[in-house]
Amino acid sequence: MSAARVVLWRHGRTRANAEQRFQGQLDVPLDEVGRAQVAAAAAELAALEPAALVTSDLSRAADTAAALSAVTGLPAVPDPALREVHAGAWQGLLHTEITARWPQTYAAWRRGDDVRIGDTGETRGEVARRAAGAVERHAAAVPDGGTLVVAAHGAALKGAVLQLLGLAVTGWSVLAGFRNAHWAVLVPVSGGWSLAEYNVGPPGGGVGAEG
């Protein structure tokens, strides 16, 4: 039992994304633009004939997954291990507010250092291992040759990609941030994973702010 393809799909836009506000694990819903983005993305992903669909339990990811469920009939299985990075005291703040109050830590986070954010939040390494572990667990349960779609969050998915490729999280800037409603495709190779596609998605998916 193992997936032949894993699609890592970031949620659509939220109001917090549009405002450049750090969401972290706050439960922020999709906005009108986000709902349109995920509907367009779901139409494309349905053509991949996914065999399984899992999602973060935060509503912006769950509602993203629901758009694919609506066109495929696949149930979306929630998994809290796919939540966004926990950002501690940064959660709910504008990125400009974080820069003003935690200039050194925020600068380190932006350049990819493995620092603990928001005083009590997670490090990049912690979220990468958590999210990658969930992806591998669900991929192992997919019937051979099937496609797994994972609906989750920008920082969690980017960390998972690096972890699954065997790359250090300190190389964060090697990959661009996930755009809203865009996805990456991983395929299994001997002893690991290979990145087949990255930041693929429908027209109109804005970059959005990580977190």
N, C-alpha and C. Protein backbone atom coordinates (compact mmCIF):
# COMPACT_ATOMS: atom_id res chain seq x y z
N MET A 1 0.85 -1.18 0.00
CA MET A 1 0.00 0.00 0.00
C MET A 1 0.89 1.24 0.00
N SER A 2 0.84 2.01 -1.08
CA SER A 2 1.57 3.28 -1.10
C SER A 2 1.10 4.10 -2.29
N ALA A 3 1.08 5.42 -2.10
CA ALA A 3 0.64 6.32 -3.17
C ALA A 3 1.69 6.40 -4.26
N ALA A 4 1.23 6.49 -5.51
CA ALA A 4 2.14 6.71 -6.63
C ALA A 4 2.36 8.19 -6.87
N ARG A 5 1.53 9.03 -6.21
CA ARG A 5 1.65 10.48 -6.37
C ARG A 5 1.00 11.14 -5.16
N VAL A 6 1.65 12.16 -4.63
CA VAL A 6 1.10 12.93 -3.52
C VAL A 6 1.01 14.39 -3.96
N VAL A 7 -0.18 14.95 -3.85
CA VAL A 7 -0.43 16.35 -4.19
C VAL A 7 -0.59 17.12 -2.89
N LEU A 8 0.27 18.11 -2.68
CA LEU A 8 0.23 18.94 -1.48
C LEU A 8 -0.38 20.28 -1.87
N TRP A 9 -1.57 20.55 -1.38
CA TRP A 9 -2.42 21.64 -1.85
C TRP A 9 -2.64 22.67 -0.75
N ARG A 10 -2.20 23.90 -1.01
CA ARG A 10 -2.43 24.96 -0.03
C ARG A 10 -3.87 25.48 -0.13
N HIS A 11 -4.41 25.88 1.00
CA HIS A 11 -5.76 26.42 1.06
C HIS A 11 -5.89 27.71 0.24
N GLY A 12 -7.13 28.06 -0.07
CA GLY A 12 -7.41 29.32 -0.75
C GLY A 12 -7.22 30.52 0.16
N ARG A 13 -7.39 31.69 -0.43
CA ARG A 13 -7.11 32.93 0.30
C ARG A 13 -8.09 33.16 1.44
N THR A 14 -7.59 33.74 2.50
CA THR A 14 -8.40 34.19 3.62
C THR A 14 -8.25 35.71 3.74
N ARG A 15 -9.11 36.30 4.53
CA ARG A 15 -8.98 37.74 4.76
C ARG A 15 -7.63 38.06 5.41
N ALA A 16 -7.19 37.18 6.31
CA ALA A 16 -5.90 37.39 6.96
C ALA A 16 -4.76 37.36 5.94
N ASN A 17 -4.83 36.45 4.95
CA ASN A 17 -3.82 36.44 3.88
C ASN A 17 -3.79 37.78 3.17
N ALA A 18 -4.97 38.29 2.82
CA ALA A 18 -5.06 39.55 2.08
C ALA A 18 -4.52 40.71 2.90
N GLU A 19 -4.66 40.63 4.22
CA GLU A 19 -4.20 41.70 5.11
C GLU A 19 -2.74 41.54 5.51
N GLN A 20 -2.08 40.45 5.06
CA GLN A 20 -0.72 40.13 5.48
C GLN A 20 -0.64 39.92 6.99
N ARG A 21 -1.60 39.15 7.49
CA ARG A 21 -1.70 38.85 8.92
C ARG A 21 -1.28 37.39 9.14
N PHE A 22 -0.48 37.14 10.18
CA PHE A 22 0.04 35.80 10.47
C PHE A 22 -1.06 34.99 11.17
N GLN A 23 -1.58 33.99 10.48
CA GLN A 23 -2.68 33.20 11.03
C GLN A 23 -2.21 32.13 12.00
N GLY A 24 -1.14 31.42 11.64
CA GLY A 24 -0.71 30.30 12.46
C GLY A 24 -1.83 29.29 12.57
N GLN A 25 -2.14 28.87 13.79
CA GLN A 25 -3.19 27.89 14.00
C GLN A 25 -4.54 28.50 14.38
N LEU A 26 -4.67 29.83 14.21
CA LEU A 26 -5.99 30.44 14.36
C LEU A 26 -6.90 29.90 13.26
N ASP A 27 -8.18 29.70 13.58
CA ASP A 27 -9.10 29.10 12.62
C ASP A 27 -9.78 30.21 11.82
N VAL A 28 -9.18 30.57 10.70
CA VAL A 28 -9.65 31.67 9.86
C VAL A 28 -10.27 31.08 8.60
N PRO A 29 -11.51 31.46 8.25
CA PRO A 29 -12.17 30.86 7.08
C PRO A 29 -11.68 31.45 5.75
N LEU A 30 -11.97 30.76 4.68
CA LEU A 30 -11.72 31.30 3.35
C LEU A 30 -12.56 32.55 3.12
N ASP A 31 -12.02 33.49 2.35
CA ASP A 31 -12.85 34.61 1.93
C ASP A 31 -13.47 34.30 0.57
N GLU A 32 -14.18 35.25 -0.01
CA GLU A 32 -14.87 35.01 -1.27
C GLU A 32 -13.90 34.66 -2.39
N VAL A 33 -12.76 35.36 -2.41
CA VAL A 33 -11.73 35.05 -3.41
C VAL A 33 -11.21 33.63 -3.20
N GLY A 34 -10.97 33.26 -1.95
CA GLY A 34 -10.46 31.93 -1.64
C GLY A 34 -11.41 30.83 -2.07
N ARG A 35 -12.70 31.05 -1.87
CA ARG A 35 -13.67 30.03 -2.28
C ARG A 35 -13.68 29.85 -3.79
N ALA A 36 -13.54 30.95 -4.53
CA ALA A 36 -13.46 30.85 -5.99
C ALA A 36 -12.17 30.15 -6.41
N GLN A 37 -11.07 30.45 -5.73
CA GLN A 37 -9.79 29.82 -6.05
C GLN A 37 -9.86 28.30 -5.89
N VAL A 38 -10.42 27.85 -4.77
CA VAL A 38 -10.41 26.40 -4.53
C VAL A 38 -11.39 25.67 -5.44
N ALA A 39 -12.47 26.33 -5.84
CA ALA A 39 -13.38 25.71 -6.79
C ALA A 39 -12.68 25.49 -8.13
N ALA A 40 -11.90 26.49 -8.57
CA ALA A 40 -11.16 26.35 -9.83
C ALA A 40 -10.09 25.28 -9.71
N ALA A 41 -9.39 25.26 -8.58
CA ALA A 41 -8.34 24.27 -8.37
C ALA A 41 -8.92 22.86 -8.30
N ALA A 42 -10.06 22.72 -7.63
CA ALA A 42 -10.67 21.40 -7.48
C ALA A 42 -11.04 20.80 -8.84
N ALA A 43 -11.48 21.63 -9.76
CA ALA A 43 -11.83 21.13 -11.09
C ALA A 43 -10.61 20.54 -11.79
N GLU A 44 -9.43 21.14 -11.57
CA GLU A 44 -8.20 20.62 -12.16
C GLU A 44 -7.72 19.36 -11.43
N LEU A 45 -7.77 19.38 -10.12
CA LEU A 45 -7.28 18.23 -9.35
C LEU A 45 -8.17 17.00 -9.53
N ALA A 46 -9.45 17.22 -9.78
CA ALA A 46 -10.35 16.08 -9.99
C ALA A 46 -9.90 15.24 -11.19
N ALA A 47 -9.26 15.91 -12.16
CA ALA A 47 -8.81 15.18 -13.35
C ALA A 47 -7.68 14.20 -13.03
N LEU A 48 -7.04 14.35 -11.86
CA LEU A 48 -6.00 13.42 -11.44
C LEU A 48 -6.59 12.14 -10.84
N GLU A 49 -7.89 12.11 -10.69
CA GLU A 49 -8.60 10.95 -10.14
C GLU A 49 -8.01 10.51 -8.80
N PRO A 50 -8.03 11.41 -7.80
CA PRO A 50 -7.44 11.06 -6.51
C PRO A 50 -8.14 9.87 -5.86
N ALA A 51 -7.33 9.08 -5.15
CA ALA A 51 -7.86 7.90 -4.45
C ALA A 51 -8.13 8.20 -2.99
N ALA A 52 -7.49 9.25 -2.45
CA ALA A 52 -7.66 9.59 -1.04
C ALA A 52 -7.44 11.09 -0.86
N LEU A 53 -8.12 11.65 0.14
CA LEU A 53 -8.07 13.08 0.41
C LEU A 53 -7.98 13.28 1.91
N VAL A 54 -6.95 13.97 2.36
CA VAL A 54 -6.80 14.30 3.78
C VAL A 54 -6.62 15.80 3.92
N THR A 55 -6.90 16.31 5.10
CA THR A 55 -6.87 17.74 5.29
C THR A 55 -6.50 18.11 6.73
N SER A 56 -5.88 19.26 6.88
CA SER A 56 -5.79 19.88 8.19
C SER A 56 -7.20 20.08 8.72
N ASP A 57 -7.36 20.07 10.03
CA ASP A 57 -8.69 20.27 10.59
C ASP A 57 -9.06 21.74 10.74
N LEU A 58 -8.18 22.67 10.39
CA LEU A 58 -8.53 24.08 10.41
C LEU A 58 -9.46 24.38 9.23
N SER A 59 -10.43 25.25 9.42
CA SER A 59 -11.53 25.39 8.45
C SER A 59 -11.06 25.84 7.07
N ARG A 60 -10.02 26.67 6.99
CA ARG A 60 -9.60 27.13 5.66
C ARG A 60 -9.08 25.98 4.80
N ALA A 61 -8.44 25.00 5.44
CA ALA A 61 -7.98 23.82 4.71
C ALA A 61 -9.13 22.84 4.51
N ALA A 62 -9.95 22.65 5.53
CA ALA A 62 -11.07 21.71 5.42
C ALA A 62 -12.05 22.15 4.34
N ASP A 63 -12.28 23.46 4.23
CA ASP A 63 -13.19 23.96 3.19
C ASP A 63 -12.55 23.86 1.81
N THR A 64 -11.24 23.96 1.75
CA THR A 64 -10.52 23.73 0.50
C THR A 64 -10.71 22.28 0.06
N ALA A 65 -10.49 21.36 0.99
CA ALA A 65 -10.69 19.94 0.68
C ALA A 65 -12.14 19.66 0.29
N ALA A 66 -13.09 20.35 0.93
CA ALA A 66 -14.50 20.12 0.64
C ALA A 66 -14.84 20.45 -0.81
N ALA A 67 -14.13 21.41 -1.40
CA ALA A 67 -14.37 21.74 -2.81
C ALA A 67 -14.02 20.56 -3.71
N LEU A 68 -12.97 19.82 -3.34
CA LEU A 68 -12.60 18.63 -4.12
C LEU A 68 -13.55 17.47 -3.82
N SER A 69 -13.97 17.34 -2.58
CA SER A 69 -14.95 16.32 -2.23
C SER A 69 -16.23 16.50 -3.05
N ALA A 70 -16.62 17.76 -3.27
CA ALA A 70 -17.87 18.04 -3.97
C ALA A 70 -17.86 17.55 -5.41
N VAL A 71 -16.68 17.52 -6.03
CA VAL A 71 -16.63 17.10 -7.43
C VAL A 71 -16.14 15.67 -7.63
N THR A 72 -15.61 15.05 -6.57
CA THR A 72 -15.11 13.68 -6.69
C THR A 72 -15.89 12.68 -5.86
N GLY A 73 -16.59 13.16 -4.83
CA GLY A 73 -17.27 12.26 -3.92
C GLY A 73 -16.37 11.67 -2.85
N LEU A 74 -15.08 12.02 -2.89
CA LEU A 74 -14.16 11.49 -1.88
C LEU A 74 -14.39 12.17 -0.53
N PRO A 75 -14.45 11.41 0.56
CA PRO A 75 -14.50 12.04 1.87
C PRO A 75 -13.14 12.63 2.23
N ALA A 76 -13.16 13.76 2.91
CA ALA A 76 -11.92 14.39 3.37
C ALA A 76 -11.66 13.96 4.81
N VAL A 77 -10.54 13.34 5.04
CA VAL A 77 -10.18 12.85 6.38
C VAL A 77 -9.37 13.92 7.10
N PRO A 78 -9.85 14.45 8.24
CA PRO A 78 -9.11 15.50 8.95
C PRO A 78 -7.96 14.93 9.78
N ASP A 79 -6.88 15.69 9.84
CA ASP A 79 -5.72 15.28 10.63
C ASP A 79 -5.08 16.54 11.23
N PRO A 80 -5.16 16.72 12.57
CA PRO A 80 -4.57 17.90 13.20
C PRO A 80 -3.07 18.03 12.98
N ALA A 81 -2.39 16.92 12.66
CA ALA A 81 -0.94 16.99 12.41
C ALA A 81 -0.61 17.80 11.17
N LEU A 82 -1.60 18.10 10.36
CA LEU A 82 -1.39 18.90 9.14
C LEU A 82 -1.67 20.38 9.35
N ARG A 83 -1.90 20.79 10.59
CA ARG A 83 -2.14 22.21 10.86
C ARG A 83 -0.93 23.07 10.50
N GLU A 84 -1.20 24.36 10.34
CA GLU A 84 -0.14 25.32 10.08
C GLU A 84 0.81 25.40 11.28
N VAL A 85 1.98 25.98 11.06
CA VAL A 85 2.93 26.20 12.14
C VAL A 85 2.25 26.98 13.27
N HIS A 86 2.48 26.55 14.51
CA HIS A 86 1.99 27.32 15.65
C HIS A 86 2.93 28.50 15.85
N ALA A 87 2.36 29.71 15.83
CA ALA A 87 3.20 30.91 15.85
C ALA A 87 3.19 31.65 17.18
N GLY A 88 2.69 31.02 18.23
CA GLY A 88 2.74 31.65 19.55
C GLY A 88 2.12 33.03 19.54
N ALA A 89 2.83 34.00 20.10
CA ALA A 89 2.32 35.37 20.24
C ALA A 89 2.19 36.10 18.91
N TRP A 90 2.74 35.53 17.84
CA TRP A 90 2.62 36.17 16.52
C TRP A 90 1.24 35.97 15.91
N GLN A 91 0.51 34.98 16.37
CA GLN A 91 -0.76 34.63 15.72
C GLN A 91 -1.75 35.79 15.80
N GLY A 92 -2.30 36.15 14.66
CA GLY A 92 -3.27 37.23 14.58
C GLY A 92 -2.67 38.59 14.32
N LEU A 93 -1.34 38.70 14.35
CA LEU A 93 -0.69 39.99 14.15
C LEU A 93 -0.34 40.22 12.68
N LEU A 94 -0.32 41.50 12.29
CA LEU A 94 0.18 41.86 10.98
C LEU A 94 1.68 41.60 10.93
N HIS A 95 2.19 41.29 9.75
CA HIS A 95 3.62 41.06 9.63
C HIS A 95 4.42 42.32 10.00
N THR A 96 3.87 43.49 9.76
CA THR A 96 4.54 44.73 10.16
C THR A 96 4.61 44.85 11.69
N GLU A 97 3.58 44.38 12.38
CA GLU A 97 3.58 44.41 13.85
C GLU A 97 4.62 43.44 14.41
N ILE A 98 4.73 42.29 13.79
CA ILE A 98 5.74 41.31 14.23
C ILE A 98 7.14 41.88 14.02
N THR A 99 7.36 42.50 12.86
CA THR A 99 8.67 43.09 12.57
C THR A 99 9.04 44.13 13.62
N ALA A 100 8.07 44.93 14.04
CA ALA A 100 8.34 45.99 15.02
C ALA A 100 8.65 45.43 16.40
N ARG A 101 8.00 44.34 16.79
CA ARG A 101 8.13 43.83 18.16
C ARG A 101 9.18 42.74 18.32
N TRP A 102 9.43 41.98 17.25
CA TRP A 102 10.42 40.90 17.28
C TRP A 102 11.35 41.01 16.06
N PRO A 103 12.04 42.11 15.91
CA PRO A 103 12.79 42.33 14.66
C PRO A 103 13.84 41.26 14.38
N GLN A 104 14.58 40.84 15.38
CA GLN A 104 15.65 39.87 15.14
C GLN A 104 15.09 38.48 14.85
N THR A 105 14.10 38.05 15.64
CA THR A 105 13.53 36.72 15.43
C THR A 105 12.79 36.66 14.10
N TYR A 106 12.08 37.73 13.76
CA TYR A 106 11.34 37.73 12.50
C TYR A 106 12.29 37.73 11.31
N ALA A 107 13.37 38.48 11.41
CA ALA A 107 14.37 38.47 10.33
C ALA A 107 14.98 37.09 10.17
N ALA A 108 15.24 36.41 11.30
CA ALA A 108 15.80 35.06 11.25
C ALA A 108 14.80 34.09 10.61
N TRP A 109 13.52 34.20 10.98
CA TRP A 109 12.48 33.36 10.39
C TRP A 109 12.40 33.58 8.89
N ARG A 110 12.44 34.85 8.46
CA ARG A 110 12.30 35.17 7.05
C ARG A 110 13.45 34.60 6.21
N ARG A 111 14.64 34.57 6.79
CA ARG A 111 15.76 34.04 6.00
C ARG A 111 15.90 32.52 6.12
N GLY A 112 15.05 31.89 6.93
CA GLY A 112 15.02 30.44 6.97
C GLY A 112 15.68 29.80 8.17
N ASP A 113 16.11 30.61 9.15
CA ASP A 113 16.73 30.03 10.35
C ASP A 113 15.70 29.21 11.12
N ASP A 114 16.18 28.18 11.79
CA ASP A 114 15.29 27.27 12.53
C ASP A 114 15.06 27.80 13.93
N VAL A 115 14.35 28.92 14.03
CA VAL A 115 14.14 29.59 15.31
C VAL A 115 12.72 29.32 15.81
N ARG A 116 12.54 29.43 17.13
CA ARG A 116 11.20 29.30 17.72
C ARG A 116 10.51 30.64 17.58
N ILE A 117 9.30 30.64 17.02
CA ILE A 117 8.64 31.91 16.72
C ILE A 117 7.56 32.24 17.74
N GLY A 118 7.30 33.54 17.88
CA GLY A 118 6.26 33.99 18.79
C GLY A 118 6.47 33.58 20.22
N ASP A 119 7.72 33.46 20.63
CA ASP A 119 8.12 33.10 22.00
C ASP A 119 7.82 31.64 22.36
N THR A 120 6.60 31.19 22.12
CA THR A 120 6.19 29.84 22.53
C THR A 120 5.74 28.97 21.35
N GLY A 121 5.96 29.44 20.13
CA GLY A 121 5.51 28.71 18.95
C GLY A 121 6.48 27.61 18.55
N GLU A 122 6.29 27.09 17.32
CA GLU A 122 7.11 26.02 16.81
C GLU A 122 8.31 26.55 16.04
N THR A 123 9.27 25.68 15.83
CA THR A 123 10.37 25.97 14.92
C THR A 123 10.00 25.39 13.54
N ARG A 124 10.76 25.80 12.52
CA ARG A 124 10.53 25.25 11.18
C ARG A 124 10.74 23.73 11.19
N GLY A 125 11.78 23.30 11.88
CA GLY A 125 12.07 21.88 11.93
C GLY A 125 10.95 21.08 12.55
N GLU A 126 10.34 21.62 13.60
CA GLU A 126 9.24 20.92 14.27
C GLU A 126 8.03 20.79 13.36
N VAL A 127 7.64 21.88 12.69
CA VAL A 127 6.48 21.80 11.81
C VAL A 127 6.78 20.93 10.60
N ALA A 128 8.02 20.98 10.10
CA ALA A 128 8.38 20.14 8.94
C ALA A 128 8.27 18.67 9.28
N ARG A 129 8.80 18.28 10.43
CA ARG A 129 8.73 16.86 10.82
C ARG A 129 7.30 16.42 11.09
N ARG A 130 6.53 17.28 11.72
CA ARG A 130 5.14 16.96 12.02
C ARG A 130 4.33 16.75 10.74
N ALA A 131 4.42 17.72 9.83
CA ALA A 131 3.62 17.64 8.60
C ALA A 131 4.11 16.52 7.68
N ALA A 132 5.44 16.37 7.55
CA ALA A 132 5.97 15.31 6.70
C ALA A 132 5.58 13.93 7.23
N GLY A 133 5.60 13.77 8.54
CA GLY A 133 5.21 12.50 9.13
C GLY A 133 3.76 12.15 8.81
N ALA A 134 2.88 13.17 8.84
CA ALA A 134 1.48 12.94 8.51
C ALA A 134 1.33 12.56 7.04
N VAL A 135 2.05 13.27 6.16
CA VAL A 135 1.97 12.96 4.73
C VAL A 135 2.42 11.52 4.47
N GLU A 136 3.52 11.13 5.05
CA GLU A 136 4.03 9.77 4.83
C GLU A 136 3.07 8.72 5.37
N ARG A 137 2.47 9.00 6.51
CA ARG A 137 1.53 8.05 7.11
C ARG A 137 0.31 7.84 6.21
N HIS A 138 -0.23 8.94 5.69
CA HIS A 138 -1.40 8.82 4.83
C HIS A 138 -1.03 8.24 3.46
N ALA A 139 0.14 8.59 2.94
CA ALA A 139 0.57 8.05 1.65
C ALA A 139 0.73 6.53 1.72
N ALA A 140 1.19 6.03 2.86
CA ALA A 140 1.41 4.60 3.02
C ALA A 140 0.10 3.82 3.03
N ALA A 141 -1.02 4.51 3.30
CA ALA A 141 -2.31 3.83 3.37
C ALA A 141 -3.09 3.87 2.06
N VAL A 142 -2.54 4.55 1.04
CA VAL A 142 -3.23 4.66 -0.25
C VAL A 142 -2.97 3.40 -1.07
N PRO A 143 -3.99 2.86 -1.72
CA PRO A 143 -3.76 1.69 -2.57
C PRO A 143 -2.67 1.95 -3.61
N ASP A 144 -1.89 0.93 -3.93
CA ASP A 144 -0.78 1.09 -4.87
C ASP A 144 -1.26 1.74 -6.16
N GLY A 145 -0.50 2.73 -6.59
CA GLY A 145 -0.84 3.41 -7.84
C GLY A 145 -1.81 4.56 -7.68
N GLY A 146 -2.29 4.80 -6.47
CA GLY A 146 -3.28 5.85 -6.25
C GLY A 146 -2.64 7.20 -5.99
N THR A 147 -3.46 8.23 -6.11
CA THR A 147 -3.03 9.61 -5.84
C THR A 147 -3.64 10.08 -4.53
N LEU A 148 -2.79 10.63 -3.65
CA LEU A 148 -3.22 11.23 -2.39
C LEU A 148 -3.20 12.74 -2.54
N VAL A 149 -4.28 13.41 -2.15
CA VAL A 149 -4.31 14.88 -2.09
C VAL A 149 -4.34 15.30 -0.63
N VAL A 150 -3.46 16.22 -0.27
CA VAL A 150 -3.35 16.73 1.09
C VAL A 150 -3.64 18.22 1.06
N ALA A 151 -4.70 18.66 1.72
CA ALA A 151 -5.05 20.07 1.80
C ALA A 151 -4.55 20.63 3.13
N ALA A 152 -3.67 21.60 3.07
CA ALA A 152 -3.09 22.13 4.31
C ALA A 152 -2.63 23.57 4.10
N HIS A 153 -1.48 23.93 4.64
CA HIS A 153 -1.08 25.32 4.81
C HIS A 153 0.32 25.58 4.26
N GLY A 154 0.59 26.85 3.94
CA GLY A 154 1.82 27.21 3.27
C GLY A 154 3.10 26.79 3.96
N ALA A 155 3.28 27.19 5.20
CA ALA A 155 4.53 26.87 5.90
C ALA A 155 4.62 25.38 6.21
N ALA A 156 3.50 24.77 6.61
CA ALA A 156 3.51 23.33 6.92
C ALA A 156 3.85 22.52 5.68
N LEU A 157 3.26 22.88 4.54
CA LEU A 157 3.51 22.12 3.32
C LEU A 157 4.93 22.34 2.80
N LYS A 158 5.41 23.57 2.87
CA LYS A 158 6.78 23.83 2.41
C LYS A 158 7.78 23.07 3.28
N GLY A 159 7.55 23.07 4.59
CA GLY A 159 8.41 22.30 5.47
C GLY A 159 8.36 20.82 5.16
N ALA A 160 7.14 20.31 4.88
CA ALA A 160 7.00 18.89 4.54
C ALA A 160 7.75 18.55 3.27
N VAL A 161 7.68 19.42 2.26
CA VAL A 161 8.41 19.17 1.01
C VAL A 161 9.90 19.06 1.28
N LEU A 162 10.45 20.02 2.01
CA LEU A 162 11.89 19.98 2.30
C LEU A 162 12.25 18.72 3.07
N GLN A 163 11.47 18.39 4.07
CA GLN A 163 11.74 17.20 4.89
C GLN A 163 11.67 15.93 4.03
N LEU A 164 10.66 15.80 3.20
CA LEU A 164 10.49 14.60 2.39
C LEU A 164 11.56 14.48 1.31
N LEU A 165 12.11 15.61 0.88
CA LEU A 165 13.19 15.59 -0.10
C LEU A 165 14.56 15.41 0.54
N GLY A 166 14.58 15.40 1.87
CA GLY A 166 15.85 15.24 2.57
C GLY A 166 16.68 16.51 2.62
N LEU A 167 16.01 17.67 2.51
CA LEU A 167 16.69 18.96 2.53
C LEU A 167 16.53 19.62 3.90
N ALA A 168 17.53 20.36 4.31
CA ALA A 168 17.47 21.05 5.60
C ALA A 168 16.50 22.22 5.54
N VAL A 169 15.80 22.47 6.64
CA VAL A 169 14.87 23.60 6.66
C VAL A 169 15.61 24.93 6.58
N THR A 170 16.90 24.94 6.86
CA THR A 170 17.67 26.17 6.70
C THR A 170 17.81 26.55 5.23
N GLY A 171 17.44 25.65 4.34
CA GLY A 171 17.39 25.97 2.91
C GLY A 171 16.00 26.43 2.48
N TRP A 172 15.25 27.02 3.39
CA TRP A 172 13.87 27.43 3.16
C TRP A 172 13.71 28.27 1.89
N SER A 173 14.65 29.18 1.65
CA SER A 173 14.52 30.10 0.52
C SER A 173 14.78 29.43 -0.83
N VAL A 174 15.19 28.15 -0.82
CA VAL A 174 15.40 27.42 -2.08
C VAL A 174 14.08 27.31 -2.85
N LEU A 175 12.97 27.20 -2.12
CA LEU A 175 11.65 27.09 -2.73
C LEU A 175 10.85 28.36 -2.45
N ALA A 176 10.09 28.81 -3.44
CA ALA A 176 9.18 29.93 -3.22
C ALA A 176 8.06 29.49 -2.28
N GLY A 177 7.39 30.46 -1.69
CA GLY A 177 6.24 30.13 -0.86
C GLY A 177 5.09 29.61 -1.70
N PHE A 178 4.29 28.72 -1.13
CA PHE A 178 3.10 28.23 -1.81
C PHE A 178 2.11 29.37 -2.05
N ARG A 179 1.63 29.52 -3.28
CA ARG A 179 0.55 30.46 -3.54
C ARG A 179 -0.77 29.86 -3.05
N ASN A 180 -1.71 30.73 -2.76
CA ASN A 180 -3.03 30.25 -2.34
C ASN A 180 -3.64 29.37 -3.42
N ALA A 181 -4.18 28.22 -2.97
CA ALA A 181 -4.87 27.25 -3.83
C ALA A 181 -3.95 26.58 -4.85
N HIS A 182 -2.65 26.70 -4.69
CA HIS A 182 -1.67 26.04 -5.56
C HIS A 182 -1.13 24.79 -4.87
N TRP A 183 -0.46 23.97 -5.65
CA TRP A 183 -0.03 22.68 -5.11
C TRP A 183 1.33 22.27 -5.64
N ALA A 184 1.91 21.28 -4.94
CA ALA A 184 3.14 20.60 -5.37
C ALA A 184 2.81 19.13 -5.56
N VAL A 185 3.60 18.46 -6.40
CA VAL A 185 3.41 17.03 -6.64
C VAL A 185 4.70 16.30 -6.32
N LEU A 186 4.60 15.31 -5.45
CA LEU A 186 5.72 14.45 -5.10
C LEU A 186 5.45 13.04 -5.62
N VAL A 187 6.50 12.40 -6.12
CA VAL A 187 6.38 11.00 -6.55
C VAL A 187 7.46 10.19 -5.84
N PRO A 188 7.16 8.94 -5.50
CA PRO A 188 8.15 8.12 -4.79
C PRO A 188 9.28 7.69 -5.71
N VAL A 189 10.49 7.71 -5.16
CA VAL A 189 11.67 7.16 -5.83
C VAL A 189 12.34 6.24 -4.83
N SER A 190 13.34 5.52 -5.26
CA SER A 190 14.01 4.57 -4.38
C SER A 190 14.52 5.27 -3.13
N GLY A 191 13.97 4.90 -2.00
CA GLY A 191 14.43 5.44 -0.73
C GLY A 191 13.89 6.79 -0.36
N GLY A 192 12.95 7.35 -1.14
CA GLY A 192 12.46 8.68 -0.77
C GLY A 192 11.45 9.23 -1.76
N TRP A 193 11.52 10.55 -1.97
CA TRP A 193 10.56 11.25 -2.80
C TRP A 193 11.28 12.19 -3.77
N SER A 194 10.62 12.47 -4.89
CA SER A 194 11.13 13.41 -5.88
C SER A 194 10.05 14.47 -6.14
N LEU A 195 10.47 15.70 -6.33
CA LEU A 195 9.54 16.80 -6.59
C LEU A 195 9.28 16.88 -8.09
N ALA A 196 8.04 16.58 -8.50
CA ALA A 196 7.69 16.56 -9.92
C ALA A 196 7.13 17.90 -10.39
N GLU A 197 6.39 18.58 -9.52
CA GLU A 197 5.80 19.88 -9.87
C GLU A 197 5.75 20.74 -8.60
N TYR A 198 5.78 22.06 -8.79
CA TYR A 198 5.75 22.94 -7.63
C TYR A 198 5.02 24.23 -7.99
N ASN A 199 4.14 24.66 -7.09
CA ASN A 199 3.36 25.89 -7.25
C ASN A 199 2.54 25.89 -8.53
N VAL A 200 1.88 24.78 -8.78
CA VAL A 200 0.96 24.66 -9.90
C VAL A 200 -0.43 25.05 -9.41
N GLY A 201 -1.19 25.74 -10.24
CA GLY A 201 -2.53 26.08 -9.79
C GLY A 201 -3.31 26.88 -10.79
N PRO A 202 -4.52 27.27 -10.39
CA PRO A 202 -5.40 28.00 -11.29
C PRO A 202 -4.98 29.46 -11.41
N PRO A 203 -5.38 30.12 -12.48
CA PRO A 203 -5.13 31.56 -12.58
C PRO A 203 -5.77 32.31 -11.42
N GLY A 204 -5.11 33.35 -10.95
CA GLY A 204 -5.69 34.18 -9.91
C GLY A 204 -5.34 33.78 -8.50
N GLY A 205 -4.50 32.74 -8.31
CA GLY A 205 -4.07 32.36 -6.97
C GLY A 205 -2.97 33.29 -6.51
N GLY A 206 -3.28 34.19 -5.58
CA GLY A 206 -2.27 35.15 -5.13
C GLY A 206 -1.21 34.48 -4.29
N VAL A 207 -0.09 35.17 -4.12
CA VAL A 207 1.00 34.61 -3.33
C VAL A 207 0.57 34.43 -1.89
N GLY A 208 -0.06 35.43 -1.29
CA GLY A 208 -0.48 35.31 0.10
C GLY A 208 0.71 35.26 1.03
N ALA A 209 0.49 35.53 2.30
CA ALA A 209 1.56 35.51 3.28
C ALA A 209 1.64 34.15 3.94
N GLU A 210 2.85 33.63 4.09
CA GLU A 210 3.00 32.36 4.84
C GLU A 210 2.53 32.57 6.26
N GLY A 211 1.95 31.50 6.82
CA GLY A 211 1.46 31.56 8.19
C GLY A 211 0.00 31.97 8.27
